[in-house]
Amino acid sequence: MKILRIGQATPLCPTTFNKISDQFRADVYKLFLALAWYTGERPEAILRINVNHVYADVAKRQPRDTVIYPAYNRKDRKTRQVDTHRALKLMLAAYKPPETGFLFPSLYSADKHLSRQAVDKAFRRAVKKAGLENQGFSLYSARRGFITRLNEQGCDIKIIQRITGHRSISSLVRYIEVSDAQLKNAIDNF
């Protein structure tokens, strides 16, 4: 668990995702968290995403069937496409995106994206309002929650690796949280 901003982020679960999302004042932050939750991408890549990587037709607010994270936006420098979850499609259809450029443009400069610091500040406020402060949540909590959920649903580790784009399984498994209930179930069903 992350304590005083040190260590691994606590993964979100459906309940904590909804509690935090409900506390955001602006839809831009709700959509950011939803993209992290439903695609499992890193915060930096989400902030740099272009509207055309999310929408097939921006003017009609028609989401793509896959969210595209181009290689130049990602840490591993490999393009990643993630199927667009039905709940994310609904959010994208309801969201009013900019006509061109970044999906999350800066409030101060048209040629820049929203800063990580701005999103982090809004996230921390929402966590506090949700009564979840000091529990280790950070912007990486959605990514860890996404990967943990896939594991809990019984997805093979190689499938999770393909979905997330991790180069090695050893780096991937650090994102997977194993609960006491899962440990007990494993022993009980041995």
Protein backbone atom coordinates (compact mmCIF):
# COMPACT_ATOMS: atom_id res chain seq x y z
CA MET A 1 0.00 0.00 0.00
CA LYS A 2 1.09 3.51 -0.75
CA ILE A 3 1.87 5.49 2.41
CA LEU A 4 2.86 9.16 2.24
CA ARG A 5 3.13 8.81 -1.56
CA ILE A 6 5.67 5.99 -1.27
CA GLY A 7 5.02 2.44 -2.44
CA GLN A 8 2.47 0.88 -4.77
CA ALA A 9 -0.94 2.41 -5.26
CA THR A 10 -3.93 0.65 -3.78
CA PRO A 11 -5.95 -0.79 -6.69
CA LEU A 12 -9.44 0.54 -7.28
CA CYS A 13 -12.36 -1.85 -7.15
CA PRO A 14 -15.78 -1.12 -8.68
CA THR A 15 -17.02 0.43 -5.42
CA THR A 16 -14.06 2.76 -4.91
CA PHE A 17 -14.02 3.68 -8.60
CA ASN A 18 -17.66 4.80 -8.39
CA LYS A 19 -17.20 6.61 -5.07
CA ILE A 20 -14.27 8.63 -6.40
CA SER A 21 -15.79 9.25 -9.83
CA ASP A 22 -18.99 10.57 -8.25
CA GLN A 23 -16.99 13.23 -6.38
CA PHE A 24 -15.44 14.93 -9.41
CA ARG A 25 -16.91 18.32 -10.19
CA ALA A 26 -15.89 18.31 -13.86
CA ASP A 27 -16.65 15.67 -16.49
CA VAL A 28 -13.09 15.93 -17.81
CA TYR A 29 -11.75 14.27 -14.65
CA LYS A 30 -14.50 11.63 -14.64
CA LEU A 31 -13.59 10.72 -18.22
CA PHE A 32 -9.89 10.61 -17.40
CA LEU A 33 -10.53 8.18 -14.53
CA ALA A 34 -12.88 6.11 -16.72
CA LEU A 35 -10.23 5.78 -19.44
CA ALA A 36 -7.73 4.61 -16.83
CA TRP A 37 -10.30 2.22 -15.30
CA TYR A 38 -11.58 0.69 -18.55
CA THR A 39 -8.31 0.60 -20.51
CA GLY A 40 -5.68 0.20 -17.79
CA GLU A 41 -3.38 2.72 -19.42
CA ARG A 42 -0.80 4.87 -17.63
CA PRO A 43 -1.89 8.42 -16.68
CA GLU A 44 0.68 10.12 -18.93
CA ALA A 45 -0.48 8.27 -22.06
CA ILE A 46 -4.11 9.11 -21.30
CA LEU A 47 -3.33 12.81 -20.91
CA ARG A 48 -1.54 12.88 -24.29
CA ILE A 49 -4.31 11.11 -26.20
CA ASN A 50 -5.78 12.88 -29.22
CA VAL A 51 -9.55 13.10 -29.84
CA ASN A 52 -9.12 11.10 -33.05
CA HIS A 53 -7.64 8.20 -31.07
CA VAL A 54 -10.91 7.91 -29.13
CA TYR A 55 -13.61 9.11 -31.54
CA ALA A 56 -14.40 7.75 -35.01
CA ASP A 57 -16.43 10.92 -35.59
CA VAL A 58 -15.70 13.73 -33.15
CA ALA A 59 -18.53 16.02 -34.33
CA LYS A 60 -21.12 13.27 -33.78
CA ARG A 61 -19.44 12.11 -30.54
CA GLN A 62 -19.16 8.62 -31.99
CA PRO A 63 -16.54 6.62 -30.05
CA ARG A 64 -14.17 4.19 -31.76
CA ASP A 65 -14.51 0.48 -31.14
CA THR A 66 -10.94 0.58 -29.84
CA VAL A 67 -9.08 3.29 -27.95
CA ILE A 68 -5.71 3.86 -29.60
CA TYR A 69 -2.66 4.75 -27.54
CA PRO A 70 0.04 5.63 -30.10
CA ALA A 71 3.62 4.49 -29.55
CA TYR A 72 4.87 8.07 -29.12
CA ASN A 73 2.56 8.51 -26.08
CA ARG A 74 3.52 5.29 -24.29
CA LYS A 75 6.39 4.37 -22.01
CA ASP A 76 7.26 1.21 -23.97
CA ARG A 77 7.00 3.04 -27.33
CA LYS A 78 4.55 0.47 -28.73
CA THR A 79 1.10 1.34 -30.02
CA ARG A 80 -1.65 -0.20 -27.92
CA GLN A 81 -5.29 -0.65 -28.89
CA VAL A 82 -7.86 -1.53 -26.26
CA ASP A 83 -11.45 -2.52 -27.00
CA THR A 84 -13.79 0.24 -25.85
CA HIS A 85 -15.92 -1.01 -22.96
CA ARG A 86 -19.66 -0.34 -23.37
CA ALA A 87 -19.75 1.89 -20.24
CA LEU A 88 -16.82 3.91 -21.58
CA LYS A 89 -18.59 4.28 -24.95
CA LEU A 90 -21.60 5.78 -23.16
CA MET A 91 -19.38 8.24 -21.30
CA LEU A 92 -17.56 9.22 -24.50
CA ALA A 93 -20.86 9.74 -26.33
CA ALA A 94 -22.09 12.04 -23.54
CA TYR A 95 -18.80 13.97 -23.24
CA LYS A 96 -18.26 17.15 -25.25
CA PRO A 97 -14.75 16.73 -26.69
CA PRO A 98 -12.71 19.45 -28.36
CA GLU A 99 -12.99 19.40 -32.15
CA THR A 100 -9.29 18.65 -32.64
CA GLY A 101 -6.12 18.12 -30.66
CA PHE A 102 -5.82 16.65 -27.21
CA LEU A 103 -8.84 14.98 -25.64
CA PHE A 104 -7.82 16.72 -22.41
CA PRO A 105 -6.52 20.14 -23.49
CA SER A 106 -4.81 22.49 -21.08
CA LEU A 107 -6.98 25.24 -19.69
CA TYR A 108 -4.17 27.72 -20.38
CA SER A 109 -2.56 26.71 -23.67
CA ALA A 110 -4.36 25.29 -26.72
CA ASP A 111 -1.29 23.35 -27.90
CA LYS A 112 -0.74 21.52 -24.59
CA HIS A 113 -2.62 18.85 -22.69
CA LEU A 114 -4.00 19.01 -19.17
CA SER A 115 -1.18 18.56 -16.69
CA ARG A 116 -0.72 15.51 -14.53
CA GLN A 117 -0.58 17.85 -11.53
CA ALA A 118 -4.06 19.24 -12.32
CA VAL A 119 -5.54 15.75 -12.64
CA ASP A 120 -3.74 14.57 -9.50
CA LYS A 121 -5.06 17.54 -7.51
CA ALA A 122 -8.63 16.87 -8.66
CA PHE A 123 -8.19 13.15 -7.93
CA ARG A 124 -6.95 13.82 -4.39
CA ARG A 125 -9.89 16.16 -3.75
CA ALA A 126 -12.33 13.49 -4.96
CA VAL A 127 -10.67 10.79 -2.85
CA LYS A 128 -10.94 13.01 0.22
CA LYS A 129 -14.60 13.88 -0.48
CA ALA A 130 -15.33 10.17 -0.93
CA GLY A 131 -13.91 9.50 2.53
CA LEU A 132 -11.10 7.34 1.13
CA GLU A 133 -8.03 9.40 2.00
CA ASN A 134 -4.99 7.76 3.58
CA GLN A 135 -5.82 4.44 1.92
CA GLY A 136 -3.06 4.59 -0.70
CA PHE A 137 -5.04 5.65 -3.77
CA SER A 138 -3.22 7.45 -6.59
CA LEU A 139 -3.60 8.00 -10.33
CA TYR A 140 -2.13 4.50 -10.81
CA SER A 141 -4.91 2.92 -8.73
CA ALA A 142 -7.16 2.57 -11.78
CA ARG A 143 -4.42 0.81 -13.76
CA ARG A 144 -3.71 -1.56 -10.85
CA GLY A 145 -7.45 -2.13 -10.41
CA PHE A 146 -7.88 -2.93 -14.12
CA ILE A 147 -5.09 -5.51 -14.07
CA THR A 148 -6.21 -6.98 -10.74
CA ARG A 149 -9.80 -7.32 -12.01
CA LEU A 150 -8.63 -9.18 -15.11
CA ASN A 151 -6.68 -11.56 -12.88
CA GLU A 152 -9.63 -12.05 -10.50
CA GLN A 153 -11.85 -12.89 -13.47
CA GLY A 154 -9.52 -15.74 -14.32
CA CYS A 155 -7.77 -14.23 -17.35
CA ASP A 156 -4.57 -16.04 -18.21
CA ILE A 157 -1.46 -13.98 -17.35
CA LYS A 158 -0.37 -14.04 -21.03
CA ILE A 159 -3.72 -12.53 -22.07
CA ILE A 160 -3.37 -9.82 -19.44
CA GLN A 161 0.17 -9.16 -20.72
CA ARG A 162 -1.14 -8.74 -24.28
CA ILE A 163 -3.93 -6.42 -23.14
CA THR A 164 -1.68 -4.21 -21.01
CA GLY A 165 1.36 -4.24 -23.24
CA HIS A 166 3.82 -5.23 -20.51
CA ARG A 167 7.08 -6.55 -21.92
CA SER A 168 7.68 -9.00 -19.11
CA ILE A 169 5.45 -10.98 -16.81
CA SER A 170 7.63 -10.02 -13.86
CA SER A 171 6.80 -6.34 -14.34
CA LEU A 172 3.12 -7.18 -14.88
CA VAL A 173 2.66 -9.22 -11.70
CA ARG A 174 3.64 -6.22 -9.55
CA TYR A 175 0.32 -4.66 -10.58
CA ILE A 176 -1.78 -7.62 -9.44
CA GLU A 177 -3.16 -7.42 -5.92
CA VAL A 178 -4.02 -10.76 -4.31
CA SER A 179 -6.66 -10.65 -1.59
CA ASP A 180 -6.82 -12.75 1.56
CA ALA A 181 -10.06 -14.26 0.23
CA GLN A 182 -8.27 -15.42 -2.94
CA LEU A 183 -5.51 -17.03 -0.87
CA LYS A 184 -8.07 -18.80 1.33
CA ASN A 185 -10.04 -19.95 -1.75
CA ALA A 186 -6.87 -21.34 -3.34
CA ILE A 187 -6.09 -23.42 -0.27
CA ASP A 188 -9.72 -24.50 0.24
CA ASN A 189 -9.99 -25.71 -3.37
CA PHE A 190 -6.63 -27.50 -3.44
